[in-house]
Amino acid sequence: MMDYYGYMIVAGLISVVGMIVSQRLKSKFNHYSRIPIRAGLTGKQVAETMLQHFGIHDVKVVEGRGFLSDHYNPLSKTVSLSPDVYNGYSIASTAVAAHECGHAVQHAQSYSMLQLRSQLVPIVNFSAMAQQWLLIIAFMTLSSIPQVMLITIIAFAVTTLFSFITLPVEFDASKRALVWLDESGITRGEEYAGAKDALWWAAMTYVSAAISALVMLLYLVLRYSAATRD
């Protein structure tokens, strides 16, 4: 059980780092949500304009639910924007709407990393569901059946790989969004700088998640290695 307590300490430290990054993102989003763009477009209009620019006519822009719940669904071909983004006229709503449309552009142009991530989703979902139970069993049987920990490590390796594959997908979507916002003239000067800052912090949440997953994976590998040496 001491191994499990060690895991909980590592997990707790990782959670604290994740919370700090998340709070920083919310702070940035709230700040830029109060600054309107001179173009006077809502997030919905920004998204529709960007999709039209890239000749994407089979993707719908819909209003979702929840704070910062924005996402692109390649199966239903919808860009779902949270209410604040969908109806907002701010730098934040513009940046987020363009970023999600960046994913739609990736899909339309068959961006390889997005395709790879999509293919891994079923495996990752299964691995993520199994991890919780595997961890408990693995730490309880570490000294007698270390193979369970090995299976747990494999499950964590899958989700860690997925976290790192997500990074270029998210950074590329932001890059596409920022290039288009600049070239289209929808954001200028301080508006563009604000959009870039907001998207950078959004990307940091994915970086934090990937590093956290890697740290946890390495911790489990070390515990397994120590158990098999004893």
Protein backbone atom coordinates (compact mmCIF):
# COMPACT_ATOMS: atom_id res chain seq x y z
CA MET A 1 0.00 0.00 0.00
CA MET A 2 2.96 2.34 0.45
CA ASP A 3 3.40 2.18 -3.32
CA TYR A 4 -0.19 3.31 -3.75
CA TYR A 5 0.32 6.20 -1.30
CA GLY A 6 3.35 7.24 -3.32
CA TYR A 7 1.22 7.19 -6.44
CA MET A 8 -1.39 9.39 -4.75
CA ILE A 9 1.29 11.93 -3.78
CA VAL A 10 2.57 12.12 -7.37
CA ALA A 11 -0.98 12.33 -8.69
CA GLY A 12 -1.76 15.09 -6.19
CA LEU A 13 1.24 17.18 -7.25
CA ILE A 14 0.31 16.75 -10.90
CA SER A 15 -3.27 17.82 -10.13
CA VAL A 16 -2.01 21.00 -8.47
CA VAL A 17 0.04 21.95 -11.54
CA GLY A 18 -2.94 21.21 -13.78
CA MET A 19 -5.19 23.39 -11.63
CA ILE A 20 -2.74 26.30 -11.78
CA VAL A 21 -2.59 26.16 -15.59
CA SER A 22 -6.37 25.77 -15.81
CA GLN A 23 -6.98 28.77 -13.56
CA ARG A 24 -4.54 30.83 -15.61
CA LEU A 25 -6.44 29.91 -18.78
CA LYS A 26 -9.77 30.89 -17.20
CA SER A 27 -8.25 34.18 -16.07
CA LYS A 28 -6.98 34.92 -19.58
CA PHE A 29 -10.29 33.92 -21.14
CA ASN A 30 -12.24 36.14 -18.73
CA HIS A 31 -9.89 39.07 -19.46
CA TYR A 32 -10.13 38.79 -23.23
CA SER A 33 -13.87 38.12 -23.05
CA ARG A 34 -14.30 41.71 -21.88
CA ILE A 35 -12.48 43.19 -24.89
CA PRO A 36 -14.63 43.40 -28.07
CA ILE A 37 -13.14 43.18 -31.54
CA ARG A 38 -13.61 46.09 -33.90
CA ALA A 39 -14.88 43.79 -36.65
CA GLY A 40 -18.05 43.32 -34.59
CA LEU A 41 -18.49 39.61 -35.36
CA THR A 42 -19.81 36.99 -32.97
CA GLY A 43 -17.93 33.74 -32.49
CA LYS A 44 -20.56 32.04 -34.65
CA GLN A 45 -20.00 34.54 -37.46
CA VAL A 46 -16.22 34.24 -37.19
CA ALA A 47 -16.48 30.45 -37.47
CA GLU A 48 -18.84 30.57 -40.44
CA THR A 49 -16.64 33.14 -42.20
CA MET A 50 -13.52 31.02 -41.72
CA LEU A 51 -15.24 27.85 -42.93
CA GLN A 52 -16.51 29.68 -46.00
CA HIS A 53 -13.02 31.04 -46.70
CA PHE A 54 -11.60 27.51 -46.83
CA GLY A 55 -14.48 26.22 -48.96
CA ILE A 56 -15.89 24.02 -46.19
CA HIS A 57 -19.67 23.90 -46.66
CA ASP A 58 -20.58 20.63 -44.92
CA VAL A 59 -19.67 21.69 -41.36
CA LYS A 60 -22.30 23.32 -39.15
CA VAL A 61 -21.61 25.78 -36.36
CA VAL A 62 -23.80 25.00 -33.34
CA GLU A 63 -24.21 26.35 -29.83
CA GLY A 64 -23.06 23.95 -27.15
CA ARG A 65 -23.32 23.97 -23.39
CA GLY A 66 -20.88 24.69 -20.59
CA PHE A 67 -17.89 26.98 -20.08
CA LEU A 68 -14.94 26.39 -22.44
CA SER A 69 -16.65 23.28 -23.85
CA ASP A 70 -15.79 24.25 -27.43
CA HIS A 71 -14.81 21.45 -29.79
CA TYR A 72 -14.94 20.14 -33.34
CA ASN A 73 -16.66 16.80 -33.93
CA PRO A 74 -15.32 15.14 -37.10
CA LEU A 75 -18.06 12.48 -37.03
CA SER A 76 -21.02 14.86 -37.05
CA LYS A 77 -19.01 17.60 -38.78
CA THR A 78 -20.03 20.26 -36.30
CA VAL A 79 -18.13 23.07 -34.63
CA SER A 80 -19.71 23.29 -31.18
CA LEU A 81 -19.11 26.61 -29.45
CA SER A 82 -19.92 27.33 -25.81
CA PRO A 83 -22.57 30.05 -25.30
CA ASP A 84 -20.00 32.73 -24.37
CA VAL A 85 -18.05 32.02 -27.55
CA TYR A 86 -21.03 31.44 -29.86
CA ASN A 87 -22.69 34.75 -28.93
CA GLY A 88 -19.61 36.74 -27.91
CA TYR A 89 -18.02 39.64 -29.81
CA SER A 90 -14.75 39.48 -27.91
CA ILE A 91 -11.13 38.63 -28.60
CA ALA A 92 -11.58 35.39 -26.65
CA SER A 93 -14.65 34.26 -28.58
CA THR A 94 -12.97 35.11 -31.88
CA ALA A 95 -9.79 33.19 -31.02
CA VAL A 96 -11.62 30.09 -29.77
CA ALA A 97 -14.03 30.00 -32.70
CA ALA A 98 -11.16 30.26 -35.19
CA HIS A 99 -9.18 27.57 -33.34
CA GLU A 100 -12.05 25.08 -33.52
CA CYS A 101 -12.48 25.83 -37.19
CA GLY A 102 -8.77 25.16 -37.52
CA HIS A 103 -9.62 21.55 -36.63
CA ALA A 104 -12.31 21.51 -39.32
CA VAL A 105 -9.71 22.72 -41.83
CA GLN A 106 -7.34 19.97 -40.65
CA HIS A 107 -10.09 17.42 -41.25
CA ALA A 108 -10.92 18.78 -44.69
CA GLN A 109 -7.25 18.75 -45.69
CA SER A 110 -6.61 15.27 -44.20
CA TYR A 111 -4.04 16.46 -41.67
CA SER A 112 -2.14 13.29 -40.76
CA MET A 113 -1.84 13.87 -37.00
CA LEU A 114 -5.57 14.52 -36.67
CA GLN A 115 -6.29 11.32 -38.57
CA LEU A 116 -3.93 9.38 -36.30
CA ARG A 117 -5.53 10.83 -33.17
CA SER A 118 -9.01 9.95 -34.44
CA GLN A 119 -7.95 6.36 -35.11
CA LEU A 120 -6.64 6.02 -31.55
CA VAL A 121 -9.81 7.30 -29.85
CA PRO A 122 -11.54 3.89 -29.34
CA ILE A 123 -8.36 2.33 -27.90
CA VAL A 124 -7.72 5.35 -25.68
CA ASN A 125 -11.28 5.35 -24.35
CA PHE A 126 -10.97 1.69 -23.37
CA SER A 127 -7.55 2.22 -21.78
CA ALA A 128 -8.77 5.23 -19.81
CA MET A 129 -11.74 3.29 -18.43
CA ALA A 130 -9.56 0.35 -17.42
CA GLN A 131 -6.83 2.41 -15.73
CA GLN A 132 -8.64 3.12 -12.48
CA TRP A 133 -9.33 -0.52 -11.67
CA LEU A 134 -6.00 -1.69 -12.98
CA LEU A 135 -4.15 0.73 -10.71
CA ILE A 136 -5.86 -0.50 -7.57
CA ILE A 137 -5.27 -4.15 -8.44
CA ALA A 138 -1.71 -3.48 -9.61
CA PHE A 139 -0.61 -1.86 -6.34
CA MET A 140 -2.36 -4.54 -4.26
CA THR A 141 -0.60 -7.35 -6.16
CA LEU A 142 2.68 -5.62 -7.06
CA SER A 143 4.85 -7.95 -5.01
CA SER A 144 3.03 -11.16 -5.95
CA ILE A 145 1.74 -10.55 -9.50
CA PRO A 146 3.83 -7.73 -11.04
CA GLN A 147 2.41 -8.58 -14.46
CA VAL A 148 -0.74 -6.65 -13.54
CA MET A 149 1.38 -3.53 -13.15
CA LEU A 150 2.86 -4.19 -16.57
CA ILE A 151 -0.63 -4.28 -18.08
CA THR A 152 -1.40 -1.03 -16.24
CA ILE A 153 1.73 0.54 -17.68
CA ILE A 154 0.65 -0.42 -21.18
CA ALA A 155 -2.76 1.21 -20.59
CA PHE A 156 -1.06 4.38 -19.34
CA ALA A 157 1.37 4.31 -22.26
CA VAL A 158 -1.57 4.39 -24.70
CA THR A 159 -3.16 7.44 -23.06
CA THR A 160 0.23 9.15 -22.73
CA LEU A 161 0.92 8.61 -26.42
CA PHE A 162 -2.49 10.08 -27.20
CA SER A 163 -1.69 13.16 -25.08
CA PHE A 164 1.51 13.80 -27.03
CA ILE A 165 -0.15 13.21 -30.41
CA THR A 166 -2.74 15.80 -29.37
CA LEU A 167 -0.07 18.50 -28.99
CA PRO A 168 0.78 19.03 -32.67
CA VAL A 169 -2.93 18.82 -33.52
CA GLU A 170 -3.77 21.64 -31.10
CA PHE A 171 -0.77 23.80 -31.96
CA ASP A 172 -1.44 23.42 -35.68
CA ALA A 173 -5.11 24.37 -35.25
CA SER A 174 -4.07 27.52 -33.37
CA LYS A 175 -1.49 28.35 -36.04
CA ARG A 176 -4.08 28.02 -38.79
CA ALA A 177 -6.50 30.16 -36.79
CA LEU A 178 -3.99 32.93 -36.13
CA VAL A 179 -2.77 33.07 -39.73
CA TRP A 180 -6.33 33.38 -40.97
CA LEU A 181 -7.28 35.98 -38.35
CA ASP A 182 -4.29 38.07 -39.40
CA GLU A 183 -4.70 37.69 -43.16
CA SER A 184 -8.47 38.25 -43.06
CA GLY A 185 -8.06 41.40 -40.98
CA ILE A 186 -10.63 40.28 -38.42
CA THR A 187 -8.09 40.90 -35.67
CA ARG A 188 -5.45 43.62 -35.80
CA GLY A 189 -2.73 44.90 -33.52
CA GLU A 190 -3.59 44.32 -29.87
CA GLU A 191 -6.58 42.17 -30.85
CA TYR A 192 -4.30 39.73 -32.68
CA ALA A 193 -1.80 39.75 -29.80
CA GLY A 194 -4.64 38.98 -27.37
CA ALA A 195 -5.94 36.14 -29.52
CA LYS A 196 -2.43 34.68 -29.71
CA ASP A 197 -2.00 34.95 -25.93
CA ALA A 198 -5.36 33.29 -25.24
CA LEU A 199 -4.64 30.39 -27.57
CA TRP A 200 -1.16 29.95 -26.13
CA TRP A 201 -2.58 29.42 -22.66
CA ALA A 202 -5.19 27.06 -24.04
CA ALA A 203 -2.36 25.05 -25.59
CA MET A 204 -0.54 25.01 -22.25
CA THR A 205 -3.37 22.96 -20.75
CA TYR A 206 -2.60 20.23 -23.29
CA VAL A 207 1.13 20.53 -22.63
CA SER A 208 0.48 20.21 -18.89
CA ALA A 209 -1.71 17.16 -19.45
CA ALA A 210 0.91 15.48 -21.65
CA ILE A 211 3.75 16.09 -19.20
CA SER A 212 1.59 14.91 -16.31
CA ALA A 213 0.75 11.71 -18.17
CA LEU A 214 4.44 11.11 -18.90
CA VAL A 215 5.46 11.68 -15.27
CA MET A 216 2.81 9.25 -14.08
CA LEU A 217 3.88 6.66 -16.65
CA LEU A 218 7.53 6.95 -15.60
CA TYR A 219 6.54 6.60 -11.94
CA LEU A 220 4.66 3.36 -12.68
CA VAL A 221 7.58 2.03 -14.71
CA LEU A 222 9.95 2.74 -11.80
CA ARG A 223 7.64 0.97 -9.35
CA TYR A 224 7.40 -2.03 -11.66
CA SER A 225 11.16 -2.11 -12.16
CA ALA A 226 11.78 -1.97 -8.41
CA ALA A 227 9.27 -4.75 -7.76
CA THR A 228 10.77 -7.08 -10.34
CA ARG A 229 14.29 -6.53 -8.94
CA ASP A 230 13.29 -7.48 -5.42
